[in-house]
Amino acid sequence: MPIYAYRCSACGHAKDVLQKISDPVLTTCPACGAEAFAKQVTAAGFQLKGSGWYATDFKGGSGGASAAAVSAKAGESAASPAGDAAGGGATPCGGSCACH
């Protein structure tokens, strides 16, 4: 069930209410009794990312590399000359470690 934010325009009382979508909209303020209780427009409680996962999924965990990181890594290896990856490159490790 969604949580709706309500606010009274008469007294300023605000309240979050857990309601079914089919439930009627509340109009009476529980604090002052005025018929000025209205539903507010609020932001969504989740974010979608380009890879298809929610922003909170596997955040900081060992869930593997994201699709963007994998494709960027593939682009780097395709752009670098073959001599660097074979061990004769200009890097101190010869390009054979996990940092390249």
N, C-alpha and C. Protein backbone atom coordinates (compact mmCIF):
# COMPACT_ATOMS: atom_id res chain seq x y z
N MET A 1 0.84 -1.18 0.00
CA MET A 1 0.00 0.00 0.00
C MET A 1 0.88 1.24 0.00
N PRO A 2 0.48 2.24 -0.75
CA PRO A 2 1.27 3.48 -0.79
C PRO A 2 1.07 4.34 0.45
N ILE A 3 2.06 5.16 0.72
CA ILE A 3 2.00 6.12 1.82
C ILE A 3 1.80 7.50 1.19
N TYR A 4 0.73 8.16 1.60
CA TYR A 4 0.41 9.49 1.07
C TYR A 4 0.70 10.55 2.12
N ALA A 5 1.21 11.69 1.67
CA ALA A 5 1.48 12.82 2.55
C ALA A 5 0.30 13.78 2.47
N TYR A 6 -0.22 14.17 3.63
CA TYR A 6 -1.32 15.12 3.71
C TYR A 6 -0.86 16.33 4.50
N ARG A 7 -1.49 17.50 4.21
CA ARG A 7 -1.18 18.72 4.94
C ARG A 7 -2.45 19.56 5.02
N CYS A 8 -2.68 20.14 6.18
CA CYS A 8 -3.84 21.01 6.39
C CYS A 8 -3.45 22.44 6.02
N SER A 9 -4.24 23.04 5.15
CA SER A 9 -3.94 24.42 4.74
C SER A 9 -4.41 25.42 5.80
N ALA A 10 -5.25 25.00 6.75
CA ALA A 10 -5.74 25.90 7.80
C ALA A 10 -4.75 26.00 8.96
N CYS A 11 -4.27 24.87 9.47
CA CYS A 11 -3.39 24.90 10.64
C CYS A 11 -1.95 24.47 10.35
N GLY A 12 -1.70 23.89 9.17
CA GLY A 12 -0.34 23.47 8.82
C GLY A 12 0.04 22.07 9.29
N HIS A 13 -0.90 21.36 9.91
CA HIS A 13 -0.62 20.00 10.39
C HIS A 13 -0.31 19.09 9.20
N ALA A 14 0.77 18.30 9.32
CA ALA A 14 1.16 17.38 8.25
C ALA A 14 1.18 15.96 8.80
N LYS A 15 0.78 15.00 7.94
CA LYS A 15 0.71 13.61 8.37
C LYS A 15 0.89 12.70 7.17
N ASP A 16 1.63 11.60 7.35
CA ASP A 16 1.77 10.56 6.33
C ASP A 16 0.77 9.46 6.66
N VAL A 17 0.00 9.04 5.64
CA VAL A 17 -1.07 8.07 5.87
C VAL A 17 -0.89 6.88 4.92
N LEU A 18 -0.93 5.68 5.49
CA LEU A 18 -0.87 4.45 4.71
C LEU A 18 -2.29 4.12 4.25
N GLN A 19 -2.52 4.19 2.92
CA GLN A 19 -3.86 4.00 2.38
C GLN A 19 -3.82 3.11 1.15
N LYS A 20 -4.94 2.45 0.89
CA LYS A 20 -5.11 1.75 -0.38
C LYS A 20 -5.35 2.80 -1.46
N ILE A 21 -5.07 2.46 -2.69
CA ILE A 21 -5.33 3.38 -3.79
C ILE A 21 -6.83 3.63 -3.92
N SER A 22 -7.64 2.62 -3.60
CA SER A 22 -9.10 2.75 -3.72
C SER A 22 -9.74 3.50 -2.55
N ASP A 23 -9.00 3.76 -1.46
CA ASP A 23 -9.55 4.49 -0.32
C ASP A 23 -9.86 5.93 -0.70
N PRO A 24 -10.91 6.51 -0.11
CA PRO A 24 -11.23 7.92 -0.41
C PRO A 24 -10.16 8.86 0.15
N VAL A 25 -10.00 9.99 -0.50
CA VAL A 25 -9.03 11.01 -0.07
C VAL A 25 -9.52 11.62 1.24
N LEU A 26 -8.62 11.79 2.20
CA LEU A 26 -8.98 12.40 3.48
C LEU A 26 -9.15 13.91 3.29
N THR A 27 -10.17 14.48 3.92
CA THR A 27 -10.40 15.92 3.79
C THR A 27 -10.47 16.62 5.14
N THR A 28 -10.75 15.90 6.23
CA THR A 28 -10.87 16.49 7.56
C THR A 28 -9.54 16.39 8.29
N CYS A 29 -9.03 17.52 8.74
CA CYS A 29 -7.77 17.56 9.48
C CYS A 29 -7.96 16.93 10.85
N PRO A 30 -7.10 15.96 11.25
CA PRO A 30 -7.24 15.34 12.57
C PRO A 30 -6.83 16.27 13.71
N ALA A 31 -6.09 17.34 13.42
CA ALA A 31 -5.62 18.24 14.47
C ALA A 31 -6.65 19.35 14.78
N CYS A 32 -7.16 20.00 13.73
CA CYS A 32 -8.06 21.14 13.96
C CYS A 32 -9.50 20.88 13.53
N GLY A 33 -9.75 19.81 12.78
CA GLY A 33 -11.10 19.47 12.37
C GLY A 33 -11.59 20.21 11.14
N ALA A 34 -10.76 21.05 10.54
CA ALA A 34 -11.17 21.82 9.36
C ALA A 34 -11.20 20.91 8.14
N GLU A 35 -12.01 21.27 7.17
CA GLU A 35 -12.10 20.52 5.91
C GLU A 35 -11.05 21.04 4.93
N ALA A 36 -9.82 21.14 5.39
CA ALA A 36 -8.74 21.72 4.58
C ALA A 36 -7.55 20.76 4.47
N PHE A 37 -7.78 19.48 4.71
CA PHE A 37 -6.73 18.46 4.66
C PHE A 37 -6.60 18.02 3.20
N ALA A 38 -5.42 18.18 2.61
CA ALA A 38 -5.24 17.88 1.20
C ALA A 38 -4.01 17.01 1.00
N LYS A 39 -4.07 16.16 -0.03
CA LYS A 39 -2.96 15.29 -0.38
C LYS A 39 -1.88 16.11 -1.06
N GLN A 40 -0.62 15.88 -0.69
CA GLN A 40 0.50 16.59 -1.27
C GLN A 40 1.16 15.75 -2.36
N VAL A 41 1.83 16.42 -3.28
CA VAL A 41 2.62 15.74 -4.31
C VAL A 41 4.01 15.52 -3.73
N THR A 42 4.47 14.29 -3.73
CA THR A 42 5.78 13.96 -3.17
C THR A 42 6.62 13.23 -4.21
N ALA A 43 7.91 13.20 -3.96
CA ALA A 43 8.84 12.49 -4.85
C ALA A 43 8.75 10.99 -4.62
N ALA A 44 9.10 10.24 -5.64
CA ALA A 44 9.11 8.78 -5.52
C ALA A 44 10.19 8.35 -4.53
N GLY A 45 9.96 7.21 -3.88
CA GLY A 45 10.89 6.72 -2.87
C GLY A 45 12.00 5.84 -3.41
N PHE A 46 12.17 5.78 -4.72
CA PHE A 46 13.23 4.97 -5.30
C PHE A 46 13.76 5.65 -6.55
N GLN A 47 14.93 5.22 -6.99
CA GLN A 47 15.55 5.76 -8.19
C GLN A 47 15.89 4.61 -9.12
N LEU A 48 15.67 4.81 -10.40
CA LEU A 48 16.04 3.81 -11.38
C LEU A 48 17.36 4.23 -12.02
N LYS A 49 18.23 3.28 -12.26
CA LYS A 49 19.50 3.55 -12.91
C LYS A 49 19.48 2.93 -14.30
N GLY A 50 20.41 3.34 -15.13
CA GLY A 50 20.45 2.88 -16.52
C GLY A 50 20.67 1.39 -16.68
N SER A 51 21.34 0.76 -15.74
CA SER A 51 21.61 -0.67 -15.87
C SER A 51 20.40 -1.53 -15.52
N GLY A 52 19.33 -0.92 -15.04
CA GLY A 52 18.13 -1.67 -14.71
C GLY A 52 17.98 -2.01 -13.25
N TRP A 53 18.89 -1.61 -12.40
CA TRP A 53 18.82 -1.89 -10.97
C TRP A 53 18.44 -0.62 -10.23
N TYR A 54 17.88 -0.78 -9.03
CA TYR A 54 17.60 0.35 -8.17
C TYR A 54 18.91 0.89 -7.64
N ALA A 55 18.94 2.16 -7.28
CA ALA A 55 20.16 2.79 -6.78
C ALA A 55 20.64 2.15 -5.49
N THR A 56 19.75 1.53 -4.72
CA THR A 56 20.14 0.94 -3.44
C THR A 56 20.60 -0.50 -3.56
N ASP A 57 20.40 -1.16 -4.70
CA ASP A 57 20.81 -2.55 -4.85
C ASP A 57 22.31 -2.69 -4.98
N PHE A 58 22.89 -3.58 -4.20
CA PHE A 58 24.31 -3.91 -4.24
C PHE A 58 25.22 -2.69 -4.08
N LYS A 59 24.74 -1.65 -3.42
CA LYS A 59 25.55 -0.45 -3.26
C LYS A 59 26.70 -0.72 -2.29
N GLY A 60 27.92 -0.61 -2.77
CA GLY A 60 29.09 -0.80 -1.95
C GLY A 60 29.37 -2.26 -1.62
N GLY A 61 28.58 -3.17 -2.13
CA GLY A 61 28.77 -4.58 -1.83
C GLY A 61 29.62 -5.25 -2.89
N SER A 62 29.73 -6.55 -2.78
CA SER A 62 30.51 -7.32 -3.75
C SER A 62 29.59 -7.95 -4.78
N GLY A 63 28.67 -7.16 -5.33
CA GLY A 63 27.72 -7.66 -6.29
C GLY A 63 28.27 -7.70 -7.70
N GLY A 64 29.54 -7.41 -7.88
CA GLY A 64 30.14 -7.43 -9.21
C GLY A 64 30.18 -6.05 -9.80
N ALA A 65 30.79 -5.95 -10.95
CA ALA A 65 30.92 -4.66 -11.61
C ALA A 65 29.65 -4.33 -12.35
N SER A 66 29.37 -3.04 -12.46
CA SER A 66 28.19 -2.62 -13.20
C SER A 66 28.44 -2.74 -14.69
N ALA A 67 27.39 -2.70 -15.47
CA ALA A 67 27.51 -2.84 -16.92
C ALA A 67 28.32 -1.69 -17.51
N ALA A 68 28.17 -0.47 -16.95
CA ALA A 68 28.91 0.68 -17.45
C ALA A 68 30.41 0.50 -17.19
N ALA A 69 30.76 -0.02 -16.01
CA ALA A 69 32.17 -0.22 -15.69
C ALA A 69 32.78 -1.31 -16.56
N VAL A 70 32.01 -2.37 -16.83
CA VAL A 70 32.51 -3.45 -17.66
C VAL A 70 32.74 -2.97 -19.08
N SER A 71 31.78 -2.19 -19.63
CA SER A 71 31.94 -1.70 -20.99
C SER A 71 33.06 -0.68 -21.08
N ALA A 72 33.27 0.13 -20.05
CA ALA A 72 34.37 1.09 -20.05
C ALA A 72 35.71 0.35 -20.00
N LYS A 73 35.77 -0.71 -19.22
CA LYS A 73 36.99 -1.51 -19.12
C LYS A 73 37.30 -2.17 -20.47
N ALA A 74 36.26 -2.67 -21.14
CA ALA A 74 36.44 -3.29 -22.45
C ALA A 74 36.92 -2.26 -23.47
N GLY A 75 36.41 -1.04 -23.36
CA GLY A 75 36.84 0.03 -24.27
C GLY A 75 38.28 0.40 -24.05
N GLU A 76 38.74 0.39 -22.80
CA GLU A 76 40.13 0.70 -22.51
C GLU A 76 41.06 -0.35 -23.09
N SER A 77 40.70 -1.63 -22.92
CA SER A 77 41.59 -2.68 -23.40
C SER A 77 41.60 -2.72 -24.93
N ALA A 78 40.49 -2.37 -25.56
CA ALA A 78 40.45 -2.36 -27.02
C ALA A 78 41.24 -1.18 -27.57
N ALA A 79 41.30 -0.07 -26.80
CA ALA A 79 41.98 1.13 -27.28
C ALA A 79 43.49 1.06 -27.04
N SER A 80 43.95 0.23 -26.09
CA SER A 80 45.37 0.19 -25.81
C SER A 80 46.08 -0.72 -26.81
N PRO A 81 47.31 -0.39 -27.13
CA PRO A 81 48.07 -1.23 -28.06
C PRO A 81 48.33 -2.62 -27.50
N ALA A 82 48.50 -3.59 -28.35
CA ALA A 82 48.70 -4.98 -27.93
C ALA A 82 50.01 -5.17 -27.18
N GLY A 83 51.00 -4.36 -27.45
CA GLY A 83 52.29 -4.48 -26.77
C GLY A 83 52.19 -4.16 -25.30
N ASP A 84 51.30 -3.20 -24.91
CA ASP A 84 51.15 -2.86 -23.50
C ASP A 84 50.55 -4.01 -22.72
N ALA A 85 49.57 -4.68 -23.26
CA ALA A 85 48.90 -5.77 -22.54
C ALA A 85 49.75 -7.03 -22.52
N ALA A 86 50.70 -7.16 -23.44
CA ALA A 86 51.51 -8.37 -23.51
C ALA A 86 52.66 -8.36 -22.52
N GLY A 87 52.89 -7.26 -21.83
CA GLY A 87 53.93 -7.23 -20.82
C GLY A 87 55.09 -6.34 -21.20
N GLY A 88 55.14 -5.79 -22.39
CA GLY A 88 56.26 -4.94 -22.76
C GLY A 88 55.88 -3.48 -22.80
N GLY A 89 54.86 -3.09 -22.06
CA GLY A 89 54.35 -1.72 -22.12
C GLY A 89 55.15 -0.76 -21.27
N ALA A 90 54.67 0.49 -21.21
CA ALA A 90 55.35 1.55 -20.49
C ALA A 90 54.97 1.58 -19.02
N THR A 91 54.10 0.73 -18.55
CA THR A 91 53.72 0.70 -17.14
C THR A 91 54.74 -0.09 -16.34
N PRO A 92 54.91 0.21 -15.04
CA PRO A 92 55.89 -0.51 -14.23
C PRO A 92 55.62 -1.99 -14.14
N CYS A 93 54.36 -2.39 -14.18
CA CYS A 93 54.05 -3.82 -14.06
C CYS A 93 53.94 -4.49 -15.41
N GLY A 94 54.07 -3.73 -16.48
CA GLY A 94 53.98 -4.31 -17.81
C GLY A 94 52.55 -4.51 -18.30
N GLY A 95 51.58 -3.96 -17.54
CA GLY A 95 50.19 -4.06 -17.93
C GLY A 95 49.56 -5.39 -17.63
N SER A 96 50.18 -6.25 -16.83
CA SER A 96 49.62 -7.57 -16.55
C SER A 96 48.94 -7.66 -15.20
N CYS A 97 48.86 -6.57 -14.43
CA CYS A 97 48.22 -6.64 -13.12
C CYS A 97 46.75 -6.26 -13.23
N ALA A 98 46.03 -6.34 -12.12
CA ALA A 98 44.60 -6.06 -12.11
C ALA A 98 44.30 -4.58 -12.20
N CYS A 99 45.28 -3.71 -12.03
CA CYS A 99 45.03 -2.27 -12.10
C CYS A 99 44.97 -1.75 -13.51
N HIS A 100 45.21 -2.58 -14.52
CA HIS A 100 45.19 -2.12 -15.91
C HIS A 100 44.16 -2.84 -16.71
